[in-house]
All heavy atoms as atom14 arrays in JSON, in Angstrom:
{
  "sequence": "LGDMAYDTLYLEPDEDSTPDKHILWDFSEVMA",
  "atom14_mask": [
    [1, 1, 1, 1, 1, 1, 1, 1, 0, 0, 0, 0, 0, 0],
    [1, 1, 1, 1, 0, 0, 0, 0, 0, 0, 0, 0, 0, 0],
    [1, 1, 1, 1, 1, 1, 1, 1, 0, 0, 0, 0, 0, 0],
    [1, 1, 1, 1, 1, 1, 1, 1, 0, 0, 0, 0, 0, 0],
    [1, 1, 1, 1, 1, 0, 0, 0, 0, 0, 0, 0, 0, 0],
    [1, 1, 1, 1, 1, 1, 1, 1, 1, 1, 1, 1, 0, 0],
    [1, 1, 1, 1, 1, 1, 1, 1, 0, 0, 0, 0, 0, 0],
    [1, 1, 1, 1, 1, 1, 1, 0, 0, 0, 0, 0, 0, 0],
    [1, 1, 1, 1, 1, 1, 1, 1, 0, 0, 0, 0, 0, 0],
    [1, 1, 1, 1, 1, 1, 1, 1, 1, 1, 1, 1, 0, 0],
    [1, 1, 1, 1, 1, 1, 1, 1, 0, 0, 0, 0, 0, 0],
    [1, 1, 1, 1, 1, 1, 1, 1, 1, 0, 0, 0, 0, 0],
    [1, 1, 1, 1, 1, 1, 1, 0, 0, 0, 0, 0, 0, 0],
    [1, 1, 1, 1, 1, 1, 1, 1, 0, 0, 0, 0, 0, 0],
    [1, 1, 1, 1, 1, 1, 1, 1, 1, 0, 0, 0, 0, 0],
    [1, 1, 1, 1, 1, 1, 1, 1, 0, 0, 0, 0, 0, 0],
    [1, 1, 1, 1, 1, 1, 0, 0, 0, 0, 0, 0, 0, 0],
    [1, 1, 1, 1, 1, 1, 1, 0, 0, 0, 0, 0, 0, 0],
    [1, 1, 1, 1, 1, 1, 1, 0, 0, 0, 0, 0, 0, 0],
    [1, 1, 1, 1, 1, 1, 1, 1, 0, 0, 0, 0, 0, 0],
    [1, 1, 1, 1, 1, 1, 1, 1, 1, 0, 0, 0, 0, 0],
    [1, 1, 1, 1, 1, 1, 1, 1, 1, 1, 0, 0, 0, 0],
    [1, 1, 1, 1, 1, 1, 1, 1, 0, 0, 0, 0, 0, 0],
    [1, 1, 1, 1, 1, 1, 1, 1, 0, 0, 0, 0, 0, 0],
    [1, 1, 1, 1, 1, 1, 1, 1, 1, 1, 1, 1, 1, 1],
    [1, 1, 1, 1, 1, 1, 1, 1, 0, 0, 0, 0, 0, 0],
    [1, 1, 1, 1, 1, 1, 1, 1, 1, 1, 1, 0, 0, 0],
    [1, 1, 1, 1, 1, 1, 0, 0, 0, 0, 0, 0, 0, 0],
    [1, 1, 1, 1, 1, 1, 1, 1, 1, 0, 0, 0, 0, 0],
    [1, 1, 1, 1, 1, 1, 1, 0, 0, 0, 0, 0, 0, 0],
    [1, 1, 1, 1, 1, 1, 1, 1, 0, 0, 0, 0, 0, 0],
    [1, 1, 1, 1, 1, 0, 0, 0, 0, 0, 0, 0, 0, 0]
  ],
  "atom14_positions": [
    [[62.31, -15.36, 38.94], [61.79, -14.97, 40.25], [60.64, -15.83, 40.78], [60.2, -15.61, 41.91], [61.31, -13.51, 40.19], [62.36, -12.47, 39.84], [61.72, -11.12, 39.63], [63.42, -12.41, 40.92], [0.0, 0.0, 0.0], [0.0, 0.0, 0.0], [0.0, 0.0, 0.0], [0.0, 0.0, 0.0], [0.0, 0.0, 0.0], [0.0, 0.0, 0.0]],
    [[60.16, -16.76, 39.98], [59.03, -17.57, 40.44], [57.81, -16.7, 40.7], [57.51, -15.77, 39.96], [0.0, 0.0, 0.0], [0.0, 0.0, 0.0], [0.0, 0.0, 0.0], [0.0, 0.0, 0.0], [0.0, 0.0, 0.0], [0.0, 0.0, 0.0], [0.0, 0.0, 0.0], [0.0, 0.0, 0.0], [0.0, 0.0, 0.0], [0.0, 0.0, 0.0]],
    [[57.11, -16.99, 41.79], [55.88, -16.26, 42.12], [56.12, -14.77, 42.41], [55.2, -13.97, 42.3], [55.19, -16.9, 43.32], [54.57, -18.25, 42.98], [54.32, -18.5, 41.78], [54.33, -19.04, 43.9], [0.0, 0.0, 0.0], [0.0, 0.0, 0.0], [0.0, 0.0, 0.0], [0.0, 0.0, 0.0], [0.0, 0.0, 0.0], [0.0, 0.0, 0.0]],
    [[57.34, -14.41, 42.79], [57.65, -12.99, 43.04], [57.57, -12.15, 41.77], [57.44, -10.93, 41.83], [59.05, -12.84, 43.63], [59.14, -13.17, 45.09], [60.82, -12.92, 45.8], [61.54, -11.63, 44.85], [0.0, 0.0, 0.0], [0.0, 0.0, 0.0], [0.0, 0.0, 0.0], [0.0, 0.0, 0.0], [0.0, 0.0, 0.0], [0.0, 0.0, 0.0]],
    [[57.65, -12.79, 40.61], [57.68, -12.07, 39.34], [56.47, -11.18, 39.15], [56.56, -10.09, 38.57], [57.79, -13.06, 38.18], [0.0, 0.0, 0.0], [0.0, 0.0, 0.0], [0.0, 0.0, 0.0], [0.0, 0.0, 0.0], [0.0, 0.0, 0.0], [0.0, 0.0, 0.0], [0.0, 0.0, 0.0], [0.0, 0.0, 0.0], [0.0, 0.0, 0.0]],
    [[55.32, -11.62, 39.62], [54.07, -10.89, 39.4], [54.0, -9.57, 40.17], [53.28, -8.66, 39.77], [52.88, -11.76, 39.78], [52.85, -13.07, 39.03], [53.31, -14.24, 39.63], [52.39, -13.14, 37.72], [53.3, -15.45, 38.94], [52.39, -14.34, 37.02], [52.84, -15.49, 37.64], [52.84, -16.67, 36.95], [0.0, 0.0, 0.0], [0.0, 0.0, 0.0]],
    [[54.72, -9.48, 41.27], [54.65, -8.3, 42.13], [55.89, -7.42, 42.06], [56.02, -6.46, 42.83], [54.45, -8.73, 43.59], [53.16, -9.49, 43.78], [52.15, -9.12, 43.16], [53.16, -10.47, 44.57], [0.0, 0.0, 0.0], [0.0, 0.0, 0.0], [0.0, 0.0, 0.0], [0.0, 0.0, 0.0], [0.0, 0.0, 0.0], [0.0, 0.0, 0.0]],
    [[56.8, -7.73, 41.16], [58.05, -7.0, 41.05], [57.98, -5.98, 39.93], [57.28, -6.17, 38.94], [59.2, -8.0, 40.79], [59.26, -8.93, 41.87], [60.53, -7.32, 40.67], [0.0, 0.0, 0.0], [0.0, 0.0, 0.0], [0.0, 0.0, 0.0], [0.0, 0.0, 0.0], [0.0, 0.0, 0.0], [0.0, 0.0, 0.0], [0.0, 0.0, 0.0]],
    [[58.71, -4.89, 40.09], [58.85, -3.89, 39.04], [60.11, -4.17, 38.23], [61.05, -4.79, 38.74], [58.91, -2.48, 39.64], [57.66, -2.02, 40.36], [57.91, -0.7, 41.07], [56.49, -1.9, 39.39], [0.0, 0.0, 0.0], [0.0, 0.0, 0.0], [0.0, 0.0, 0.0], [0.0, 0.0, 0.0], [0.0, 0.0, 0.0], [0.0, 0.0, 0.0]],
    [[60.15, -3.68, 37.0], [61.25, -3.94, 36.08], [61.63, -2.69, 35.32], [60.8, -1.79, 35.12], [60.83, -5.01, 35.05], [60.35, -6.28, 35.67], [59.02, -6.43, 36.03], [61.22, -7.31, 35.93], [58.56, -7.59, 36.63], [60.79, -8.48, 36.53], [59.46, -8.61, 36.87], [59.02, -9.76, 37.48], [0.0, 0.0, 0.0], [0.0, 0.0, 0.0]],
    [[62.89, -2.65, 34.85], [63.26, -1.65, 33.86], [62.76, -2.16, 32.52], [62.99, -3.32, 32.16], [64.78, -1.48, 33.79], [65.43, -0.83, 34.99], [66.94, -0.74, 34.77], [64.87, 0.56, 35.25], [0.0, 0.0, 0.0], [0.0, 0.0, 0.0], [0.0, 0.0, 0.0], [0.0, 0.0, 0.0], [0.0, 0.0, 0.0], [0.0, 0.0, 0.0]],
    [[62.05, -1.32, 31.79], [61.5, -1.75, 30.51], [62.63, -2.17, 29.56], [63.57, -1.4, 29.33], [60.7, -0.61, 29.89], [60.02, -0.98, 28.6], [59.13, 0.14, 28.09], [59.49, 1.33, 28.24], [58.07, -0.19, 27.56], [0.0, 0.0, 0.0], [0.0, 0.0, 0.0], [0.0, 0.0, 0.0], [0.0, 0.0, 0.0], [0.0, 0.0, 0.0]],
    [[62.56, -3.37, 29.02], [63.6, -3.82, 28.07], [63.59, -2.96, 26.81], [62.54, -2.48, 26.37], [63.2, -5.26, 27.75], [62.28, -5.68, 28.84], [61.59, -4.42, 29.29], [0.0, 0.0, 0.0], [0.0, 0.0, 0.0], [0.0, 0.0, 0.0], [0.0, 0.0, 0.0], [0.0, 0.0, 0.0], [0.0, 0.0, 0.0], [0.0, 0.0, 0.0]],
    [[64.76, -2.78, 26.21], [64.84, -2.08, 24.94], [64.05, -2.88, 23.89], [63.95, -4.1, 23.97], [66.3, -1.97, 24.47], [67.09, -1.0, 25.32], [66.52, -0.03, 25.84], [68.32, -1.22, 25.45], [0.0, 0.0, 0.0], [0.0, 0.0, 0.0], [0.0, 0.0, 0.0], [0.0, 0.0, 0.0], [0.0, 0.0, 0.0], [0.0, 0.0, 0.0]],
    [[63.52, -2.17, 22.9], [62.71, -2.83, 21.88], [63.46, -3.91, 21.11], [62.88, -4.9, 20.69], [62.15, -1.78, 20.9], [61.06, -0.93, 21.5], [60.47, 0.02, 20.48], [60.59, -0.22, 19.27], [59.87, 1.02, 20.92], [0.0, 0.0, 0.0], [0.0, 0.0, 0.0], [0.0, 0.0, 0.0], [0.0, 0.0, 0.0], [0.0, 0.0, 0.0]],
    [[64.75, -3.71, 20.92], [65.53, -4.68, 20.14], [66.18, -5.76, 20.99], [66.97, -6.55, 20.5], [66.58, -3.95, 19.31], [67.58, -3.18, 20.18], [67.3, -2.97, 21.37], [68.63, -2.79, 19.65], [0.0, 0.0, 0.0], [0.0, 0.0, 0.0], [0.0, 0.0, 0.0], [0.0, 0.0, 0.0], [0.0, 0.0, 0.0], [0.0, 0.0, 0.0]],
    [[65.86, -5.83, 22.28], [66.46, -6.85, 23.14], [65.56, -8.07, 23.25], [64.35, -7.99, 23.08], [66.76, -6.27, 24.53], [65.57, -5.89, 25.17], [0.0, 0.0, 0.0], [0.0, 0.0, 0.0], [0.0, 0.0, 0.0], [0.0, 0.0, 0.0], [0.0, 0.0, 0.0], [0.0, 0.0, 0.0], [0.0, 0.0, 0.0], [0.0, 0.0, 0.0]],
    [[66.19, -9.21, 23.52], [65.47, -10.48, 23.66], [65.97, -11.2, 24.91], [67.14, -11.04, 25.29], [65.69, -11.39, 22.44], [67.09, -11.66, 22.31], [65.19, -10.74, 21.16], [0.0, 0.0, 0.0], [0.0, 0.0, 0.0], [0.0, 0.0, 0.0], [0.0, 0.0, 0.0], [0.0, 0.0, 0.0], [0.0, 0.0, 0.0], [0.0, 0.0, 0.0]],
    [[65.12, -12.01, 25.54], [65.54, -12.7, 26.77], [66.73, -13.63, 26.6], [67.48, -13.84, 27.54], [64.29, -13.49, 27.17], [63.16, -12.77, 26.54], [63.7, -12.21, 25.25], [0.0, 0.0, 0.0], [0.0, 0.0, 0.0], [0.0, 0.0, 0.0], [0.0, 0.0, 0.0], [0.0, 0.0, 0.0], [0.0, 0.0, 0.0], [0.0, 0.0, 0.0]],
    [[66.94, -14.16, 25.41], [68.06, -15.08, 25.23], [69.4, -14.37, 25.1], [70.45, -15.0, 25.23], [67.82, -16.0, 24.03], [67.65, -15.26, 22.72], [67.13, -14.13, 22.74], [68.03, -15.81, 21.68], [0.0, 0.0, 0.0], [0.0, 0.0, 0.0], [0.0, 0.0, 0.0], [0.0, 0.0, 0.0], [0.0, 0.0, 0.0], [0.0, 0.0, 0.0]],
    [[69.4, -13.04, 24.89], [70.65, -12.3, 24.72], [70.84, -11.16, 25.7], [71.92, -10.59, 25.78], [70.74, -11.73, 23.31], [70.83, -12.78, 22.22], [70.93, -12.12, 20.88], [70.98, -13.17, 19.78], [71.01, -12.56, 18.45], [0.0, 0.0, 0.0], [0.0, 0.0, 0.0], [0.0, 0.0, 0.0], [0.0, 0.0, 0.0], [0.0, 0.0, 0.0]],
    [[69.79, -10.79, 26.42], [69.84, -9.6, 27.27], [69.3, -9.89, 28.67], [68.65, -10.9, 28.89], [69.03, -8.47, 26.61], [69.55, -8.1, 25.27], [69.08, -8.67, 24.12], [70.51, -7.24, 24.89], [69.73, -8.17, 23.07], [70.61, -7.3, 23.52], [0.0, 0.0, 0.0], [0.0, 0.0, 0.0], [0.0, 0.0, 0.0], [0.0, 0.0, 0.0]],
    [[69.56, -8.97, 29.57], [69.17, -9.13, 30.97], [67.88, -8.37, 31.24], [67.71, -7.23, 30.8], [70.28, -8.61, 31.9], [71.54, -9.45, 31.72], [69.83, -8.59, 33.36], [72.75, -8.92, 32.44], [0.0, 0.0, 0.0], [0.0, 0.0, 0.0], [0.0, 0.0, 0.0], [0.0, 0.0, 0.0], [0.0, 0.0, 0.0], [0.0, 0.0, 0.0]],
    [[66.99, -9.01, 31.98], [65.79, -8.34, 32.47], [66.11, -7.8, 33.86], [66.3, -8.57, 34.8], [64.61, -9.31, 32.53], [63.31, -8.75, 33.1], [62.8, -7.59, 32.24], [62.25, -9.84, 33.18], [0.0, 0.0, 0.0], [0.0, 0.0, 0.0], [0.0, 0.0, 0.0], [0.0, 0.0, 0.0], [0.0, 0.0, 0.0], [0.0, 0.0, 0.0]],
    [[66.21, -6.5, 33.98], [66.55, -5.88, 35.26], [65.3, -5.74, 36.1], [64.37, -5.05, 35.72], [67.2, -4.51, 35.04], [68.46, -4.58, 34.25], [68.64, -4.19, 32.95], [69.72, -5.09, 34.69], [69.93, -4.42, 32.58], [70.62, -4.97, 33.61], [70.17, -5.64, 35.88], [71.95, -5.37, 33.69], [71.5, -6.03, 35.97], [72.36, -5.9, 34.89]],
    [[65.29, -6.41, 37.25], [64.13, -6.32, 38.14], [64.5, -5.55, 39.4], [65.67, -5.4, 39.73], [63.61, -7.72, 38.49], [64.58, -8.51, 39.32], [64.67, -8.25, 40.53], [65.26, -9.41, 38.77], [0.0, 0.0, 0.0], [0.0, 0.0, 0.0], [0.0, 0.0, 0.0], [0.0, 0.0, 0.0], [0.0, 0.0, 0.0], [0.0, 0.0, 0.0]],
    [[63.5, -5.06, 40.08], [63.71, -4.23, 41.27], [63.65, -5.03, 42.56], [63.56, -4.45, 43.63], [62.65, -3.12, 41.3], [63.0, -1.91, 40.47], [63.39, -2.05, 39.16], [62.94, -0.65, 41.02], [63.7, -0.94, 38.39], [63.26, 0.47, 40.26], [63.64, 0.32, 38.94], [0.0, 0.0, 0.0], [0.0, 0.0, 0.0], [0.0, 0.0, 0.0]],
    [[63.72, -6.35, 42.48], [63.58, -7.17, 43.69], [64.69, -6.92, 44.71], [64.49, -7.15, 45.89], [63.5, -8.65, 43.33], [64.71, -9.08, 42.73], [0.0, 0.0, 0.0], [0.0, 0.0, 0.0], [0.0, 0.0, 0.0], [0.0, 0.0, 0.0], [0.0, 0.0, 0.0], [0.0, 0.0, 0.0], [0.0, 0.0, 0.0], [0.0, 0.0, 0.0]],
    [[65.85, -6.47, 44.26], [66.96, -6.24, 45.18], [67.49, -4.81, 45.15], [68.61, -4.55, 45.56], [68.08, -7.23, 44.89], [67.64, -8.67, 45.16], [68.77, -9.66, 45.0], [69.94, -9.26, 45.07], [68.46, -10.84, 44.82], [0.0, 0.0, 0.0], [0.0, 0.0, 0.0], [0.0, 0.0, 0.0], [0.0, 0.0, 0.0], [0.0, 0.0, 0.0]],
    [[66.68, -3.88, 44.66], [67.08, -2.47, 44.65], [67.0, -1.93, 46.07], [66.05, -2.21, 46.8], [66.19, -1.65, 43.7], [66.41, -0.16, 43.88], [66.46, -2.05, 42.26], [0.0, 0.0, 0.0], [0.0, 0.0, 0.0], [0.0, 0.0, 0.0], [0.0, 0.0, 0.0], [0.0, 0.0, 0.0], [0.0, 0.0, 0.0], [0.0, 0.0, 0.0]],
    [[68.03, -1.19, 46.46], [68.07, -0.61, 47.81], [68.07, 0.9, 47.71], [68.79, 1.47, 46.88], [69.33, -1.09, 48.53], [69.34, -2.58, 48.75], [70.84, -3.28, 49.51], [71.71, -1.95, 50.2], [0.0, 0.0, 0.0], [0.0, 0.0, 0.0], [0.0, 0.0, 0.0], [0.0, 0.0, 0.0], [0.0, 0.0, 0.0], [0.0, 0.0, 0.0]],
    [[67.26, 1.54, 48.54], [67.25, 3.01, 48.62], [68.57, 3.47, 49.23], [68.96, 3.01, 50.3], [66.08, 3.48, 49.44], [0.0, 0.0, 0.0], [0.0, 0.0, 0.0], [0.0, 0.0, 0.0], [0.0, 0.0, 0.0], [0.0, 0.0, 0.0], [0.0, 0.0, 0.0], [0.0, 0.0, 0.0], [0.0, 0.0, 0.0], [0.0, 0.0, 0.0]]
  ]
}
């Protein structure tokens, strides 16, 4: 997300997940 990363909300990753194998779900495109 570049600079947007600092102001975005996320779903907390599972404890056993890692960035190289799992997705970081961010709220940048969530629609009500």
